[in-house]
């Protein structure tokens, strides 16, 4: 799908427009699975020394054979780099895209995609999207880069609304951050095709192990590679994977022009993380399902948000478009902020920190952390309250996580009970 920005001169590199070199594994009948191709991405590509693992190419520049004559496909690392291209190829293979552009952060990946919009174009984005996305969309709209309309893509009548507004870009985030709402990607991709819009899916919360939006008709997939793809909380990065080479060329052009290409060392660490993505994802989800059971059985919890639960509004759609339930969970504590403070006080195996998808378990408070940049009325309208907590369940021993949560929930329950007694006592005095 072409955009309104027109053609720009950009030196294409083969690994930008196809999956990782050597990943095909033979003819269509003998082609290796996505798991095997990811684990083996780049293996044996070091011709001079025959190392098993590919080296890190840290050089910022490359020799020319003569003025204006490149020796090979690389001239300057902002534009193209062998290590970064290995990651791009592996991600394209995982998501089923024609290629990928690897960026310096998840936010720079989002910013690059929105460069496909022009003044007067409408971007429709979820009301409860990630706080950084909401902040960027709002700020760019305020300066006239494009128009934005926040809405509820999972709600009744949302498709008809978008059909009437005819946006240039439809932004999907499913499961959403932090309420784990589920959006029907295939339905929105069909609408996007019908009205000539670009359908973008942020797949950070699940990764291509559990969901592949391009297979469902999306045009672009965005990732914060900081999260599950790297998986070790030691890299900040992003990526855009495209279904169409025309869109890929434009995204790559903007990535280079804006100077937001990912660093080679970060690419090396991300590729290292990708090799264990499938194995990590299994343990993440096994632990998450046990955590959901603890939360669902606690009187201290008013509501648990996880698509594995039959009562979750998006359970059926998630079961259809996902190949796993994911390991992100959010829940509302009874007792509000006081209960939240008691819950996180002394918790041992869940670090109070932002981000997600690492091997370590995390707990965050969206109201004061990940979504604090959104003004209070918008947070309330999105359904984000002070009693909401989000868990990123890691790969620690499940019994340790369960015991830690039970202790935290008991602390939260005691605070709520104490507040209730104080209220009763105050009424008695009155």
Protein backbone atom coordinates (compact mmCIF):
# COMPACT_ATOMS: atom_id res chain seq x y z
CA UNK A 1 0.00 0.00 0.00
CA UNK A 2 1.53 3.33 -1.03
CA UNK A 3 1.28 6.47 1.09
CA UNK A 4 0.84 10.09 0.15
CA UNK A 5 4.49 10.97 0.80
CA UNK A 6 5.56 9.83 -2.65
CA UNK A 7 8.70 7.99 -3.74
CA UNK A 8 12.00 8.87 -2.11
CA UNK A 9 15.50 7.80 -3.13
CA UNK A 10 16.58 5.06 -0.75
CA UNK A 11 19.29 2.47 -1.19
CA UNK A 12 17.55 -0.80 -0.53
CA UNK A 13 19.43 -3.62 1.13
CA UNK A 14 18.36 -7.21 0.43
CA UNK A 15 17.87 -8.20 4.08
CA UNK A 16 15.54 -5.25 4.55
CA UNK A 17 13.06 -6.72 2.12
CA UNK A 18 13.19 -10.41 2.97
CA UNK A 19 13.62 -12.64 6.03
CA UNK A 20 17.01 -13.43 7.51
CA UNK A 21 19.75 -14.65 5.14
CA UNK A 22 19.93 -18.43 5.17
CA UNK A 23 16.62 -18.73 7.00
CA UNK A 24 14.67 -20.36 4.22
CA UNK A 25 16.13 -23.79 4.88
CA UNK A 26 15.58 -25.22 1.40
CA UNK A 27 12.55 -25.65 -0.83
CA UNK A 28 9.02 -24.94 0.33
CA UNK A 29 8.53 -28.61 1.19
CA UNK A 30 11.59 -28.74 3.47
CA UNK A 31 11.54 -25.20 4.83
CA UNK A 32 12.29 -25.11 8.54
CA UNK A 33 9.74 -23.84 11.04
CA UNK A 34 9.77 -20.26 12.30
CA UNK A 35 11.13 -21.48 15.62
CA UNK A 36 14.13 -23.19 14.04
CA UNK A 37 14.82 -20.31 11.66
CA UNK A 38 14.81 -17.84 14.55
CA UNK A 39 17.12 -19.93 16.74
CA UNK A 40 19.53 -20.33 13.81
CA UNK A 41 19.32 -16.81 12.35
CA UNK A 42 22.75 -15.75 11.12
CA UNK A 43 24.53 -18.93 12.18
CA UNK A 44 27.51 -19.65 9.93
CA UNK A 45 27.41 -16.23 8.26
CA UNK A 46 30.96 -15.35 9.38
CA UNK A 47 32.90 -16.45 6.29
CA UNK A 48 36.42 -15.21 7.29
CA UNK A 49 36.57 -17.04 10.64
CA UNK A 50 33.69 -19.57 10.49
CA UNK A 51 32.38 -18.67 13.93
CA UNK A 52 29.09 -20.34 14.79
CA UNK A 53 27.49 -17.18 16.14
CA UNK A 54 27.60 -14.09 13.91
CA UNK A 55 29.99 -11.32 15.00
CA UNK A 56 28.97 -7.81 16.04
CA UNK A 57 29.74 -5.26 13.32
CA UNK A 58 30.38 -2.10 15.33
CA UNK A 59 32.04 -0.10 12.56
CA UNK A 60 30.24 3.15 11.81
CA UNK A 61 31.50 3.26 8.21
CA UNK A 62 32.72 1.02 5.38
CA UNK A 63 35.30 1.21 2.58
CA UNK A 64 34.40 2.41 -0.91
CA UNK A 65 36.21 0.88 -3.89
CA UNK A 66 36.37 4.29 -5.56
CA UNK A 67 34.60 7.66 -5.25
CA UNK A 68 30.91 6.86 -5.52
CA UNK A 69 31.55 3.11 -5.85
CA UNK A 70 30.60 1.03 -2.80
CA UNK A 71 32.44 -2.19 -2.13
CA UNK A 72 29.21 -3.87 -1.01
CA UNK A 73 25.78 -3.01 0.34
CA UNK A 74 27.09 -1.09 3.37
CA UNK A 75 28.46 2.43 3.57
CA UNK A 76 27.30 3.98 6.87
CA UNK A 77 25.76 2.24 9.86
CA UNK A 78 22.88 4.65 10.34
CA UNK A 79 21.68 3.56 6.90
CA UNK A 80 22.50 -0.15 7.04
CA UNK A 81 24.49 -2.50 9.26
CA UNK A 82 25.06 -6.28 8.95
CA UNK A 83 24.21 -7.06 12.60
CA UNK A 84 21.05 -4.96 12.53
CA UNK A 85 20.01 -6.55 9.25
CA UNK A 86 20.22 -10.03 10.82
CA UNK A 87 17.70 -8.92 13.44
CA UNK A 88 15.50 -7.30 10.79
CA UNK A 89 15.47 -10.53 8.80
CA UNK A 90 14.70 -12.66 11.85
CA UNK A 91 11.81 -10.40 12.87
CA UNK A 92 10.41 -10.38 9.35
CA UNK A 93 10.50 -14.17 9.36
CA UNK A 94 8.77 -14.40 12.73
CA UNK A 95 5.98 -12.00 11.79
CA UNK A 96 5.63 -13.23 8.22
CA UNK A 97 6.53 -9.85 6.70
CA UNK A 98 8.56 -8.90 3.65
CA UNK A 99 11.12 -7.12 5.82
CA UNK A 100 11.68 -4.97 8.87
CA UNK A 101 13.22 -1.70 9.98
CA UNK A 102 14.96 -1.83 13.38
CA UNK A 103 14.87 1.37 15.41
CA UNK A 104 16.43 2.80 18.56
CA UNK A 105 13.31 2.37 20.74
CA UNK A 106 9.69 1.36 20.62
CA UNK A 107 8.68 5.01 20.59
CA UNK A 108 10.95 5.76 17.63
CA UNK A 109 9.31 2.86 15.78
CA UNK A 110 5.91 4.43 16.47
CA UNK A 111 7.17 7.87 15.43
CA UNK A 112 8.56 6.50 12.16
CA UNK A 113 5.22 4.90 11.28
CA UNK A 114 3.31 8.13 11.92
CA UNK A 115 5.63 9.90 9.45
CA UNK A 116 3.52 8.17 6.81
CA UNK A 117 0.78 10.64 7.73
CA UNK A 118 0.46 14.22 6.48
CA UNK A 119 -1.32 17.30 7.80
CA UNK A 120 -5.07 16.75 7.64
CA UNK A 121 -4.82 12.93 7.74
CA UNK A 122 -6.76 11.25 10.53
CA UNK A 123 -5.20 8.70 12.85
CA UNK A 124 -7.63 6.62 14.91
CA UNK A 125 -6.03 5.08 18.01
CA UNK A 126 -7.32 3.23 21.10
CA UNK A 127 -8.35 5.35 24.03
CA UNK A 128 -6.47 3.02 26.41
CA UNK A 129 -3.28 2.67 24.37
CA UNK A 130 0.19 2.86 25.92
CA UNK A 131 0.79 6.21 27.63
CA UNK A 132 3.80 7.04 25.46
CA UNK A 133 1.81 6.42 22.28
CA UNK A 134 -1.08 8.55 23.58
CA UNK A 135 1.35 11.36 24.46
CA UNK A 136 3.05 11.30 21.04
CA UNK A 137 -0.21 11.17 19.07
CA UNK A 138 -1.69 14.01 21.11
CA UNK A 139 1.41 16.21 20.82
CA UNK A 140 1.74 15.68 17.06
CA UNK A 141 -1.94 16.42 16.55
CA UNK A 142 -1.61 19.61 18.61
CA UNK A 143 1.17 20.85 16.34
CA UNK A 144 -0.80 20.03 13.18
CA UNK A 145 1.19 17.03 11.93
CA UNK A 146 -2.04 15.04 11.60
CA UNK A 147 -5.39 14.70 13.35
CA UNK A 148 -6.07 12.07 16.02
CA UNK A 149 -9.28 10.52 17.29
CA UNK A 150 -9.09 8.27 20.38
CA UNK A 151 -11.82 5.64 20.46
CA UNK A 152 -12.69 2.15 21.70
CA UNK A 153 -12.00 -0.28 18.81
CA UNK A 154 -13.48 -3.19 20.79
CA UNK A 155 -16.79 -1.40 21.42
CA UNK A 156 -20.07 -1.87 19.58
CA UNK A 157 -20.37 0.51 16.61
CA UNK A 158 -16.62 1.26 16.41
CA UNK A 159 -16.23 -0.17 12.91
CA UNK A 160 -19.15 1.89 11.63
CA UNK A 161 -17.68 5.02 13.21
CA UNK A 162 -14.33 4.47 11.51
CA UNK A 163 -16.05 3.76 8.20
CA UNK A 164 -17.80 7.12 8.42
CA UNK A 165 -14.66 9.04 9.51
CA UNK A 166 -12.42 7.33 6.90
CA UNK A 167 -9.08 7.68 8.73
CA UNK A 168 -5.76 7.45 6.88
CA UNK A 169 -4.34 5.16 9.58
CA UNK A 170 -5.96 2.81 12.09
CA UNK A 171 -3.80 1.99 15.11
CA UNK A 172 -4.54 -1.22 17.00
CA UNK A 173 -3.09 -2.39 20.31
CA UNK A 174 -4.28 -5.83 21.27
CA UNK A 175 -4.16 -6.86 24.05
CA UNK A 176 -4.26 -3.23 25.12
CA UNK A 177 -2.01 -1.65 27.71
CA UNK A 178 -2.88 -1.90 30.58
CA UNK A 179 -6.47 -3.22 30.48
CA UNK A 180 -5.84 -6.23 28.22
CA UNK A 181 -8.79 -5.42 25.97
CA UNK A 182 -8.95 -7.46 22.77
CA UNK A 183 -9.51 -6.03 19.30
CA UNK A 184 -10.52 -8.11 16.26
CA UNK A 185 -7.52 -7.51 13.98
CA UNK A 186 -8.99 -9.24 10.92
CA UNK A 187 -12.19 -7.16 11.06
CA UNK A 188 -10.25 -3.90 11.31
CA UNK A 189 -7.82 -4.94 8.57
CA UNK A 190 -10.77 -5.60 6.24
CA UNK A 191 -12.22 -2.18 6.98
CA UNK A 192 -8.83 -0.55 6.42
CA UNK A 193 -8.60 -2.15 2.98
CA UNK A 194 -12.12 -1.04 2.12
CA UNK A 195 -11.49 2.63 2.99
CA UNK A 196 -7.84 2.82 1.85
CA UNK A 197 -6.36 3.15 5.33
CA UNK A 198 -3.11 1.75 6.72
CA UNK A 199 -3.75 -0.79 9.48
CA UNK A 200 -1.01 -0.83 12.14
CA UNK A 201 -0.90 -3.32 15.01
CA UNK A 202 1.28 -2.92 18.08
CA UNK A 203 2.16 -6.54 18.90
CA UNK A 204 4.47 -5.80 21.83
CA UNK A 205 2.23 -7.40 24.47
CA UNK A 206 2.17 -10.84 22.84
CA UNK A 207 5.08 -11.13 20.37
CA UNK A 208 4.83 -13.15 17.14
CA UNK A 209 4.95 -16.36 19.19
CA UNK A 210 1.34 -15.77 20.25
CA UNK A 211 -0.05 -13.43 17.56
CA UNK A 212 0.84 -12.51 13.98
CA UNK A 213 -1.19 -9.48 12.84
CA UNK A 214 0.17 -9.54 9.28
CA UNK A 215 -1.38 -12.99 8.82
CA UNK A 216 -4.69 -11.40 9.85
CA UNK A 217 -4.43 -8.62 7.26
CA UNK A 218 -2.57 -5.78 9.04
CA UNK A 219 -0.19 -3.69 6.93
CA UNK A 220 2.43 -2.91 9.58
CA UNK A 221 3.40 -4.41 12.93
CA UNK A 222 5.19 -2.36 15.57
CA UNK A 223 7.26 -3.71 18.46
CA UNK A 224 9.14 -2.38 21.39
CA UNK A 225 11.93 -4.96 21.12
CA UNK A 226 12.86 -3.88 24.64
CA UNK A 227 10.14 -6.21 25.86
CA UNK A 228 9.56 -9.88 24.99
CA UNK A 229 11.71 -9.99 21.87
CA UNK A 230 14.90 -9.14 23.74
CA UNK A 231 13.50 -10.54 26.97
CA UNK A 232 16.32 -9.62 29.36
CA UNK A 233 15.63 -5.95 30.22
CA UNK A 234 19.07 -4.85 29.06
CA UNK A 235 18.27 -3.28 25.68
CA UNK A 236 16.00 -0.46 24.48
CA UNK A 237 14.89 -0.89 20.90
CA UNK A 238 12.01 -1.04 18.44
CA UNK A 239 11.02 -2.48 15.09
CA UNK A 240 8.50 -2.06 12.28
CA UNK A 241 7.65 -5.11 10.15
CA UNK A 242 5.82 -4.61 6.88
CA UNK A 243 3.62 -6.78 4.70
CA UNK A 244 4.23 -4.60 1.63
CA UNK A 245 7.59 -3.60 0.15
CA UNK A 246 6.32 -0.13 -0.73
CA UNK A 247 5.47 0.61 2.90
CA UNK A 248 8.75 -0.97 4.03
CA UNK A 249 10.75 1.35 1.76
CA UNK A 250 9.01 4.40 3.19
CA UNK A 251 9.49 3.27 6.78
CA UNK A 252 13.17 2.52 6.11
CA UNK A 253 13.60 5.94 4.46
CA UNK A 254 12.21 7.73 7.50
CA UNK A 255 14.24 5.58 9.91
CA UNK A 256 17.42 6.63 8.13
CA UNK A 257 16.38 10.27 7.62
CA UNK A 258 15.38 10.73 11.26
CA UNK A 259 18.51 9.02 12.54
CA UNK A 260 16.66 6.54 14.73
CA UNK A 261 18.23 3.30 13.51
CA UNK A 262 19.04 0.75 16.21
CA UNK A 263 22.64 0.44 17.41
CA UNK A 264 24.63 -2.66 16.33
CA UNK A 265 25.37 -3.82 19.88
CA UNK A 266 21.70 -3.52 20.80
CA UNK A 267 20.85 -5.51 17.67
CA UNK A 268 23.29 -8.23 18.73
CA UNK A 269 21.67 -8.53 22.18
CA UNK A 270 18.18 -8.52 20.66
CA UNK A 271 19.13 -11.36 18.32
CA UNK A 272 20.49 -13.26 21.31
CA UNK A 273 17.14 -12.78 23.05
CA UNK A 274 15.14 -13.82 19.99
CA UNK A 275 16.84 -17.21 19.95
CA UNK A 276 15.12 -18.16 23.23
CA UNK A 277 11.80 -16.34 22.64
CA UNK A 278 9.70 -19.46 22.07
CA UNK A 279 11.13 -21.29 25.09
CA UNK A 280 10.74 -18.25 27.36
CA UNK A 281 7.19 -17.62 26.19
CA UNK A 282 6.05 -21.08 27.30
CA UNK A 283 7.27 -20.54 30.87
CA UNK A 284 5.95 -16.96 30.97
CA UNK A 285 2.47 -18.17 30.09
CA UNK A 286 2.50 -21.20 32.38
CA UNK A 287 3.39 -18.93 35.30
CA UNK A 288 0.85 -16.30 34.25
CA UNK A 289 -2.03 -18.78 34.30
CA UNK A 290 -1.13 -19.76 37.85
CA UNK A 291 -0.95 -16.10 38.85
CA UNK A 292 -4.38 -15.49 37.31
CA UNK A 293 -5.73 -18.27 39.51
CA UNK A 294 -4.34 -16.63 42.66
CA UNK A 295 -5.76 -13.22 41.76
CA UNK A 296 -9.16 -14.55 40.71
CA UNK A 297 -9.52 -16.36 44.01
CA UNK A 298 -8.71 -13.36 46.23
CA UNK A 299 -11.33 -11.23 47.95
CA UNK A 300 -8.87 -8.32 47.82
CA UNK A 301 -9.26 -8.18 44.02
CA UNK A 302 -12.27 -6.54 42.42
CA UNK A 303 -11.47 -7.52 38.81
CA UNK A 304 -8.82 -9.48 36.91
CA UNK A 305 -8.03 -8.59 33.29
CA UNK A 306 -6.64 -11.52 31.30
CA UNK A 307 -8.06 -12.96 28.09
CA UNK A 308 -7.73 -16.55 29.34
CA UNK A 309 -10.68 -15.96 31.66
CA UNK A 310 -13.99 -17.10 30.07
CA UNK A 311 -15.71 -13.99 31.44
CA UNK A 312 -13.23 -11.68 29.73
CA UNK A 313 -15.12 -9.73 27.02
CA UNK A 314 -12.45 -10.55 24.43
CA UNK A 315 -11.99 -14.21 25.36
CA UNK A 316 -13.56 -15.60 22.19
CA UNK A 317 -11.71 -13.25 19.80
CA UNK A 318 -8.42 -13.86 21.60
CA UNK A 319 -8.93 -17.60 21.30
CA UNK A 320 -9.43 -17.16 17.57
CA UNK A 321 -6.58 -14.77 16.68
CA UNK A 322 -3.98 -15.65 19.33
CA UNK A 323 -1.98 -18.85 19.77
CA UNK A 324 -1.44 -18.15 23.48
CA UNK A 325 -3.03 -16.07 26.22
CA UNK A 326 0.08 -14.04 27.05
CA UNK A 327 1.74 -13.25 30.37
CA UNK A 328 0.58 -9.67 31.01
CA UNK A 329 -2.13 -9.33 33.65
CA UNK A 330 -3.82 -6.31 35.16
CA UNK A 331 -6.17 -6.24 38.13
CA UNK A 332 -8.12 -3.80 40.26
CA UNK A 333 -7.59 -3.91 44.01
CA UNK A 334 -10.42 -3.16 46.41
CA UNK A 335 -9.36 -0.26 48.60
CA UNK A 336 -7.83 1.99 45.94
CA UNK A 337 -4.46 3.65 46.37
CA UNK A 338 -4.00 2.63 50.01
CA UNK A 339 -4.40 -1.03 49.01
CA UNK A 340 -1.93 -0.54 46.16
CA UNK A 341 0.69 0.89 48.52
CA UNK A 342 0.21 -2.02 50.90
CA UNK A 343 0.42 -4.53 48.05
CA UNK A 344 3.77 -3.31 46.73
CA UNK A 345 5.26 -2.75 50.20
CA UNK A 346 7.66 -5.61 50.83
CA UNK A 347 6.91 -7.57 47.65
CA UNK A 348 9.98 -9.68 46.88
CA UNK A 349 9.67 -11.40 43.53
CA UNK A 350 7.90 -8.68 41.54
CA UNK A 351 10.08 -5.60 40.98
CA UNK A 352 8.20 -2.30 41.10
CA UNK A 353 9.32 -0.99 37.73
CA UNK A 354 8.10 -0.02 34.28
CA UNK A 355 8.53 -2.11 31.14
CA UNK A 356 7.51 -5.75 30.63
CA UNK A 357 8.44 -8.99 28.92
CA UNK A 358 11.72 -9.65 30.71
CA UNK A 359 12.65 -12.90 32.41
CA UNK A 360 12.03 -11.16 35.75
CA UNK A 361 8.55 -10.48 37.10
CA UNK A 362 7.46 -6.85 37.37
CA UNK A 363 4.59 -4.93 38.91
CA UNK A 364 3.68 -1.41 37.80
CA UNK A 365 1.07 1.13 38.82
CA UNK A 366 -0.26 2.63 35.57
CA UNK A 367 -1.82 5.66 37.27
CA UNK A 368 1.56 6.94 38.50
CA UNK A 369 3.94 5.17 36.12
CA UNK A 370 3.27 4.00 32.55
CA UNK A 371 0.19 6.21 31.98
CA UNK A 372 1.04 9.20 34.16
CA UNK A 373 1.67 11.32 31.04
CA UNK A 374 -2.02 11.10 30.13
CA UNK A 375 -4.17 13.74 31.80
CA UNK A 376 -6.44 12.52 34.58
CA UNK A 377 -9.79 12.82 32.73
CA UNK A 378 -8.38 10.77 29.83
CA UNK A 379 -7.10 8.10 32.21
CA UNK A 380 -10.49 7.87 33.89
CA UNK A 381 -12.26 7.75 30.52
CA UNK A 382 -9.97 4.90 29.45
CA UNK A 383 -10.85 2.94 32.59
CA UNK A 384 -7.50 3.37 34.34
CA UNK A 385 -7.98 4.01 38.07
CA UNK A 386 -5.70 4.37 41.06
CA UNK A 387 -6.42 0.83 42.21
CA UNK A 388 -5.16 -0.75 38.97
CA UNK A 389 -1.91 -2.74 38.91
CA UNK A 390 -0.22 -4.46 35.97
CA UNK A 391 1.92 -7.57 36.25
CA UNK A 392 4.50 -8.81 33.79
CA UNK A 393 4.95 -12.42 34.86
CA UNK A 394 8.50 -13.70 34.49
CA UNK A 395 10.05 -17.15 34.41
CA UNK A 396 10.85 -17.58 38.10
CA UNK A 397 9.56 -20.61 40.00
CA UNK A 398 5.77 -20.36 39.92
CA UNK A 399 5.38 -21.34 43.57
CA UNK A 400 7.56 -18.40 44.66
CA UNK A 401 5.46 -15.97 42.62
CA UNK A 402 2.23 -17.39 44.02
CA UNK A 403 3.44 -17.14 47.63
CA UNK A 404 4.67 -13.58 47.07
CA UNK A 405 1.32 -12.52 45.62
CA UNK A 406 -0.68 -14.12 48.43
CA UNK A 407 1.36 -12.18 51.01
CA UNK A 408 0.85 -8.95 49.06
CA UNK A 409 -2.88 -9.54 48.71
CA UNK A 410 -3.17 -10.20 52.43
CA UNK A 411 -1.49 -6.86 53.16
CA UNK A 412 -3.90 -5.10 50.78
CA UNK A 413 -6.89 -6.83 52.40
CA UNK A 414 -5.80 -5.79 55.90
CA UNK A 415 -5.56 -2.14 54.84
CA UNK A 416 -9.05 -2.26 53.33
CA UNK A 417 -10.46 -3.95 56.41
CA UNK A 418 -8.82 -1.37 58.68
CA UNK A 419 -10.27 1.44 56.60
CA UNK A 420 -13.69 -0.19 56.86
CA UNK A 421 -13.45 -0.40 60.65
CA UNK A 422 -12.42 3.25 60.85
CA UNK A 423 -15.42 4.24 58.72
CA UNK A 424 -17.80 2.27 60.95
CA UNK A 425 -16.25 3.80 64.07
CA UNK A 426 -16.56 7.31 62.63
CA UNK A 427 -20.22 6.72 61.83
CA UNK A 428 -20.79 5.50 65.39
CA UNK A 429 -19.25 8.65 66.84
CA UNK A 430 -21.32 10.81 64.51
